[in-house]
Amino acid sequence: MTGEISIGGVYLPSVLLLAVAAVILTGIATRLLAFAGAYRVVTYRPLVDLALFILILGLLALLTGPSA
């Protein structure tokens, strides 16, 4: 993962792009969990959504990291 990515001459931090991708994937995952009824066993849904976002963001960062 490099520090910055140029999009149309504008340099954006790669973490920002990963966070946007994680928000989109988290939205898809929460809709699937709601459709499956998994939120019925959860006490505080926003905390689960935040944890899911952090897990997806970490997974994206690991997958796009430098290969050593």
PDB file of N, CA and C in Angstrom:
ATOM      1  N   MET A   1       0.843  -1.162   0.000  1.00  0.00           N
ATOM      2  CA  MET A   1       0.000   0.000   0.000  1.00  0.00           C
ATOM      3  C   MET A   1       0.891   1.227   0.000  1.00  0.00           C
ATOM      4  N   THR A   2       0.756   2.055  -1.015  1.00  0.00           N
ATOM      5  CA  THR A   2       1.545   3.272  -1.074  1.00  0.00           C
ATOM      6  C   THR A   2       0.868   4.359  -0.254  1.00  0.00           C
ATOM      7  N   GLY A   3       1.596   5.443  -0.016  1.00  0.00           N
ATOM      8  CA  GLY A   3       1.067   6.516   0.814  1.00  0.00           C
ATOM      9  C   GLY A   3      -0.030   7.316   0.151  1.00  0.00           C
ATOM     10  N   GLU A   4       0.107   7.579  -1.155  1.00  0.00           N
ATOM     11  CA  GLU A   4      -0.873   8.405  -1.843  1.00  0.00           C
ATOM     12  C   GLU A   4      -1.162   7.831  -3.224  1.00  0.00           C
ATOM     13  N   ILE A   5      -2.366   8.107  -3.707  1.00  0.00           N
ATOM     14  CA  ILE A   5      -2.780   7.669  -5.033  1.00  0.00           C
ATOM     15  C   ILE A   5      -3.263   8.898  -5.788  1.00  0.00           C
ATOM     16  N   SER A   6      -2.793   9.046  -7.027  1.00  0.00           N
ATOM     17  CA  SER A   6      -3.185  10.196  -7.840  1.00  0.00           C
ATOM     18  C   SER A   6      -4.417   9.847  -8.667  1.00  0.00           C
ATOM     19  N   ILE A   7      -5.472  10.635  -8.486  1.00  0.00           N
ATOM     20  CA  ILE A   7      -6.691  10.481  -9.273  1.00  0.00           C
ATOM     21  C   ILE A   7      -6.961  11.827  -9.937  1.00  0.00           C
ATOM     22  N   GLY A   8      -6.702  11.898 -11.221  1.00  0.00           N
ATOM     23  CA  GLY A   8      -6.915  13.134 -11.955  1.00  0.00           C
ATOM     24  C   GLY A   8      -6.012  14.267 -11.490  1.00  0.00           C
ATOM     25  N   GLY A   9      -4.817  13.957 -11.056  1.00  0.00           N
ATOM     26  CA  GLY A   9      -3.886  14.971 -10.591  1.00  0.00           C
ATOM     27  C   GLY A   9      -4.079  15.357  -9.139  1.00  0.00           C
ATOM     28  N   VAL A  10      -5.064  14.787  -8.478  1.00  0.00           N
ATOM     29  CA  VAL A  10      -5.309  15.069  -7.064  1.00  0.00           C
ATOM     30  C   VAL A  10      -4.808  13.875  -6.260  1.00  0.00           C
ATOM     31  N   TYR A  11      -3.918  14.140  -5.325  1.00  0.00           N
ATOM     32  CA  TYR A  11      -3.363  13.072  -4.501  1.00  0.00           C
ATOM     33  C   TYR A  11      -4.271  12.822  -3.303  1.00  0.00           C
ATOM     34  N   LEU A  12      -4.696  11.567  -3.183  1.00  0.00           N
ATOM     35  CA  LEU A  12      -5.556  11.154  -2.084  1.00  0.00           C
ATOM     36  C   LEU A  12      -4.834  10.102  -1.254  1.00  0.00           C
ATOM     37  N   PRO A  13      -4.980  10.174   0.068  1.00  0.00           N
ATOM     38  CA  PRO A  13      -4.376   9.124   0.889  1.00  0.00           C
ATOM     39  C   PRO A  13      -5.021   7.772   0.587  1.00  0.00           C
ATOM     40  N   SER A  14      -4.218   6.754   0.545  1.00  0.00           N
ATOM     41  CA  SER A  14      -4.753   5.433   0.228  1.00  0.00           C
ATOM     42  C   SER A  14      -5.706   4.939   1.314  1.00  0.00           C
ATOM     43  N   VAL A  15      -5.506   5.374   2.547  1.00  0.00           N
ATOM     44  CA  VAL A  15      -6.398   4.964   3.632  1.00  0.00           C
ATOM     45  C   VAL A  15      -7.800   5.533   3.406  1.00  0.00           C
ATOM     46  N   LEU A  16      -7.883   6.735   2.826  1.00  0.00           N
ATOM     47  CA  LEU A  16      -9.182   7.323   2.523  1.00  0.00           C
ATOM     48  C   LEU A  16      -9.930   6.477   1.501  1.00  0.00           C
ATOM     49  N   LEU A  17      -9.242   6.030   0.468  1.00  0.00           N
ATOM     50  CA  LEU A  17      -9.884   5.195  -0.543  1.00  0.00           C
ATOM     51  C   LEU A  17     -10.280   3.834   0.024  1.00  0.00           C
ATOM     52  N   LEU A  18      -9.445   3.298   0.896  1.00  0.00           N
ATOM     53  CA  LEU A  18      -9.799   2.033   1.541  1.00  0.00           C
ATOM     54  C   LEU A  18     -11.004   2.205   2.459  1.00  0.00           C
ATOM     55  N   ALA A  19     -11.088   3.341   3.144  1.00  0.00           N
ATOM     56  CA  ALA A  19     -12.223   3.597   4.029  1.00  0.00           C
ATOM     57  C   ALA A  19     -13.516   3.732   3.238  1.00  0.00           C
ATOM     58  N   VAL A  20     -13.459   4.372   2.078  1.00  0.00           N
ATOM     59  CA  VAL A  20     -14.651   4.490   1.234  1.00  0.00           C
ATOM     60  C   VAL A  20     -15.098   3.106   0.759  1.00  0.00           C
ATOM     61  N   ALA A  21     -14.142   2.294   0.352  1.00  0.00           N
ATOM     62  CA  ALA A  21     -14.474   0.928  -0.067  1.00  0.00           C
ATOM     63  C   ALA A  21     -15.042   0.128   1.106  1.00  0.00           C
ATOM     64  N   ALA A  22     -14.486   0.335   2.311  1.00  0.00           N
ATOM     65  CA  ALA A  22     -14.971  -0.378   3.486  1.00  0.00           C
ATOM     66  C   ALA A  22     -16.386   0.053   3.850  1.00  0.00           C
ATOM     67  N   VAL A  23     -16.705   1.336   3.669  1.00  0.00           N
ATOM     68  CA  VAL A  23     -18.069   1.804   3.942  1.00  0.00           C
ATOM     69  C   VAL A  23     -19.061   1.137   2.994  1.00  0.00           C
ATOM     70  N   ILE A  24     -18.686   1.035   1.734  1.00  0.00           N
ATOM     71  CA  ILE A  24     -19.571   0.405   0.748  1.00  0.00           C
ATOM     72  C   ILE A  24     -19.765  -1.070   1.074  1.00  0.00           C
ATOM     73  N   LEU A  25     -18.662  -1.771   1.376  1.00  0.00           N
ATOM     74  CA  LEU A  25     -18.760  -3.193   1.706  1.00  0.00           C
ATOM     75  C   LEU A  25     -19.501  -3.423   3.024  1.00  0.00           C
ATOM     76  N   THR A  26     -19.339  -2.513   3.984  1.00  0.00           N
ATOM     77  CA  THR A  26     -20.059  -2.628   5.248  1.00  0.00           C
ATOM     78  C   THR A  26     -21.554  -2.443   5.022  1.00  0.00           C
ATOM     79  N   GLY A  27     -21.921  -1.513   4.157  1.00  0.00           N
ATOM     80  CA  GLY A  27     -23.331  -1.328   3.839  1.00  0.00           C
ATOM     81  C   GLY A  27     -23.946  -2.571   3.230  1.00  0.00           C
ATOM     82  N   ILE A  28     -23.208  -3.203   2.338  1.00  0.00           N
ATOM     83  CA  ILE A  28     -23.697  -4.444   1.730  1.00  0.00           C
ATOM     84  C   ILE A  28     -23.811  -5.549   2.788  1.00  0.00           C
ATOM     85  N   ALA A  29     -22.800  -5.652   3.643  1.00  0.00           N
ATOM     86  CA  ALA A  29     -22.804  -6.705   4.666  1.00  0.00           C
ATOM     87  C   ALA A  29     -23.929  -6.493   5.682  1.00  0.00           C
ATOM     88  N   THR A  30     -24.191  -5.244   6.072  1.00  0.00           N
ATOM     89  CA  THR A  30     -25.259  -5.006   7.044  1.00  0.00           C
ATOM     90  C   THR A  30     -26.628  -5.307   6.449  1.00  0.00           C
ATOM     91  N   ARG A  31     -26.796  -5.022   5.166  1.00  0.00           N
ATOM     92  CA  ARG A  31     -28.079  -5.370   4.531  1.00  0.00           C
ATOM     93  C   ARG A  31     -28.259  -6.882   4.465  1.00  0.00           C
ATOM     94  N   LEU A  32     -27.177  -7.601   4.179  1.00  0.00           N
ATOM     95  CA  LEU A  32     -27.273  -9.060   4.159  1.00  0.00           C
ATOM     96  C   LEU A  32     -27.551  -9.624   5.547  1.00  0.00           C
ATOM     97  N   LEU A  33     -26.915  -9.055   6.562  1.00  0.00           N
ATOM     98  CA  LEU A  33     -27.161  -9.511   7.938  1.00  0.00           C
ATOM     99  C   LEU A  33     -28.584  -9.193   8.378  1.00  0.00           C
ATOM    100  N   ALA A  34     -29.088  -8.028   7.994  1.00  0.00           N
ATOM    101  CA  ALA A  34     -30.468  -7.674   8.340  1.00  0.00           C
ATOM    102  C   ALA A  34     -31.456  -8.590   7.623  1.00  0.00           C
ATOM    103  N   PHE A  35     -31.162  -8.900   6.364  1.00  0.00           N
ATOM    104  CA  PHE A  35     -32.039  -9.792   5.607  1.00  0.00           C
ATOM    105  C   PHE A  35     -32.047 -11.198   6.207  1.00  0.00           C
ATOM    106  N   ALA A  36     -30.892 -11.645   6.694  1.00  0.00           N
ATOM    107  CA  ALA A  36     -30.791 -12.977   7.286  1.00  0.00           C
ATOM    108  C   ALA A  36     -31.350 -13.026   8.710  1.00  0.00           C
ATOM    109  N   GLY A  37     -31.618 -11.857   9.299  1.00  0.00           N
ATOM    110  CA  GLY A  37     -32.168 -11.828  10.654  1.00  0.00           C
ATOM    111  C   GLY A  37     -31.127 -11.954  11.742  1.00  0.00           C
ATOM    112  N   ALA A  38     -29.876 -11.682  11.421  1.00  0.00           N
ATOM    113  CA  ALA A  38     -28.802 -11.833  12.406  1.00  0.00           C
ATOM    114  C   ALA A  38     -28.828 -10.732  13.460  1.00  0.00           C
ATOM    115  N   TYR A  39     -29.468  -9.621  13.170  1.00  0.00           N
ATOM    116  CA  TYR A  39     -29.494  -8.515  14.130  1.00  0.00           C
ATOM    117  C   TYR A  39     -30.494  -8.735  15.261  1.00  0.00           C
ATOM    118  N   ARG A  40     -31.279  -9.796  15.189  1.00  0.00           N
ATOM    119  CA  ARG A  40     -32.217 -10.081  16.273  1.00  0.00           C
ATOM    120  C   ARG A  40     -31.507 -10.529  17.538  1.00  0.00           C
ATOM    121  N   VAL A  41     -30.294 -11.068  17.398  1.00  0.00           N
ATOM    122  CA  VAL A  41     -29.560 -11.556  18.566  1.00  0.00           C
ATOM    123  C   VAL A  41     -28.527 -10.547  19.051  1.00  0.00           C
ATOM    124  N   VAL A  42     -28.517  -9.357  18.444  1.00  0.00           N
ATOM    125  CA  VAL A  42     -27.545  -8.324  18.787  1.00  0.00           C
ATOM    126  C   VAL A  42     -28.214  -7.291  19.678  1.00  0.00           C
ATOM    127  N   THR A  43     -27.530  -6.909  20.753  1.00  0.00           N
ATOM    128  CA  THR A  43     -28.092  -5.930  21.670  1.00  0.00           C
ATOM    129  C   THR A  43     -27.961  -4.512  21.142  1.00  0.00           C
ATOM    130  N   TYR A  44     -26.787  -4.152  20.621  1.00  0.00           N
ATOM    131  CA  TYR A  44     -26.530  -2.781  20.200  1.00  0.00           C
ATOM    132  C   TYR A  44     -25.985  -2.803  18.776  1.00  0.00           C
ATOM    133  N   ARG A  45     -26.870  -2.596  17.812  1.00  0.00           N
ATOM    134  CA  ARG A  45     -26.527  -2.727  16.398  1.00  0.00           C
ATOM    135  C   ARG A  45     -25.434  -1.766  15.933  1.00  0.00           C
ATOM    136  N   PRO A  46     -25.425  -0.474  16.348  1.00  0.00           N
ATOM    137  CA  PRO A  46     -24.359   0.411  15.861  1.00  0.00           C
ATOM    138  C   PRO A  46     -22.957  -0.055  16.246  1.00  0.00           C
ATOM    139  N   LEU A  47     -22.812  -0.681  17.402  1.00  0.00           N
ATOM    140  CA  LEU A  47     -21.508  -1.189  17.806  1.00  0.00           C
ATOM    141  C   LEU A  47     -21.072  -2.351  16.914  1.00  0.00           C
ATOM    142  N   VAL A  48     -22.005  -3.196  16.540  1.00  0.00           N
ATOM    143  CA  VAL A  48     -21.704  -4.306  15.631  1.00  0.00           C
ATOM    144  C   VAL A  48     -21.332  -3.770  14.253  1.00  0.00           C
ATOM    145  N   ASP A  49     -22.037  -2.742  13.799  1.00  0.00           N
ATOM    146  CA  ASP A  49     -21.725  -2.142  12.507  1.00  0.00           C
ATOM    147  C   ASP A  49     -20.343  -1.496  12.514  1.00  0.00           C
ATOM    148  N   LEU A  50     -19.983  -0.834  13.602  1.00  0.00           N
ATOM    149  CA  LEU A  50     -18.653  -0.229  13.721  1.00  0.00           C
ATOM    150  C   LEU A  50     -17.564  -1.300  13.729  1.00  0.00           C
ATOM    151  N   ALA A  51     -17.786  -2.364  14.464  1.00  0.00           N
ATOM    152  CA  ALA A  51     -16.814  -3.461  14.499  1.00  0.00           C
ATOM    153  C   ALA A  51     -16.673  -4.109  13.130  1.00  0.00           C
ATOM    154  N   LEU A  52     -17.771  -4.251  12.418  1.00  0.00           N
ATOM    155  CA  LEU A  52     -17.733  -4.816  11.073  1.00  0.00           C
ATOM    156  C   LEU A  52     -16.947  -3.914  10.126  1.00  0.00           C
ATOM    157  N   PHE A  53     -17.151  -2.599  10.239  1.00  0.00           N
ATOM    158  CA  PHE A  53     -16.403  -1.648   9.415  1.00  0.00           C
ATOM    159  C   PHE A  53     -14.905  -1.742   9.692  1.00  0.00           C
ATOM    160  N   ILE A  54     -14.529  -1.812  10.952  1.00  0.00           N
ATOM    161  CA  ILE A  54     -13.111  -1.886  11.313  1.00  0.00           C
ATOM    162  C   ILE A  54     -12.496  -3.189  10.805  1.00  0.00           C
ATOM    163  N   LEU A  55     -13.228  -4.282  10.909  1.00  0.00           N
ATOM    164  CA  LEU A  55     -12.720  -5.561  10.406  1.00  0.00           C
ATOM    165  C   LEU A  55     -12.541  -5.538   8.893  1.00  0.00           C
ATOM    166  N   ILE A  56     -13.496  -4.967   8.183  1.00  0.00           N
ATOM    167  CA  ILE A  56     -13.397  -4.901   6.726  1.00  0.00           C
ATOM    168  C   ILE A  56     -12.269  -3.964   6.314  1.00  0.00           C
ATOM    169  N   LEU A  57     -12.130  -2.830   6.997  1.00  0.00           N
ATOM    170  CA  LEU A  57     -11.044  -1.894   6.683  1.00  0.00           C
ATOM    171  C   LEU A  57      -9.686  -2.550   6.936  1.00  0.00           C
ATOM    172  N   GLY A  58      -9.537  -3.270   8.026  1.00  0.00           N
ATOM    173  CA  GLY A  58      -8.297  -3.965   8.309  1.00  0.00           C
ATOM    174  C   GLY A  58      -7.990  -5.042   7.282  1.00  0.00           C
ATOM    175  N   LEU A  59      -9.029  -5.763   6.849  1.00  0.00           N
ATOM    176  CA  LEU A  59      -8.843  -6.793   5.838  1.00  0.00           C
ATOM    177  C   LEU A  59      -8.414  -6.183   4.503  1.00  0.00           C
ATOM    178  N   LEU A  60      -9.038  -5.067   4.131  1.00  0.00           N
ATOM    179  CA  LEU A  60      -8.635  -4.383   2.890  1.00  0.00           C
ATOM    180  C   LEU A  60      -7.199  -3.868   2.978  1.00  0.00           C
ATOM    181  N   ALA A  61      -6.823  -3.363   4.131  1.00  0.00           N
ATOM    182  CA  ALA A  61      -5.446  -2.867   4.310  1.00  0.00           C
ATOM    183  C   ALA A  61      -4.449  -4.014   4.216  1.00  0.00           C
ATOM    184  N   LEU A  62      -4.808  -5.166   4.761  1.00  0.00           N
ATOM    185  CA  LEU A  62      -3.905  -6.324   4.666  1.00  0.00           C
ATOM    186  C   LEU A  62      -3.799  -6.831   3.229  1.00  0.00           C
ATOM    187  N   LEU A  63      -4.910  -6.832   2.526  1.00  0.00           N
ATOM    188  CA  LEU A  63      -4.911  -7.342   1.159  1.00  0.00           C
ATOM    189  C   LEU A  63      -4.193  -6.422   0.182  1.00  0.00           C
ATOM    190  N   THR A  64      -4.189  -5.122   0.456  1.00  0.00           N
ATOM    191  CA  THR A  64      -3.536  -4.174  -0.456  1.00  0.00           C
ATOM    192  C   THR A  64      -2.154  -3.778   0.031  1.00  0.00           C
ATOM    193  N   GLY A  65      -1.692  -4.388   1.103  1.00  0.00           N
ATOM    194  CA  GLY A  65      -0.380  -4.054   1.645  1.00  0.00           C
ATOM    195  C   GLY A  65       0.753  -4.552   0.774  1.00  0.00           C
ATOM    196  N   PRO A  66       1.976  -4.130   1.099  1.00  0.00           N
ATOM    197  CA  PRO A  66       3.126  -4.582   0.313  1.00  0.00           C
ATOM    198  C   PRO A  66       3.369  -6.073   0.504  1.00  0.00           C
ATOM    199  N   SER A  67       3.677  -6.743  -0.580  1.00  0.00           N
ATOM    200  CA  SER A  67       3.957  -8.165  -0.477  1.00  0.00           C
ATOM    201  C   SER A  67       5.433  -8.358  -0.178  1.00  0.00           C
ATOM    202  N   ALA A  68       5.695  -8.958   0.952  1.00  0.00           N
ATOM    203  CA  ALA A  68       7.091  -9.120   1.379  1.00  0.00           C
ATOM    204  C   ALA A  68       7.586 -10.517   1.119  1.00  0.00           C
TER     205      ALA A  68
END
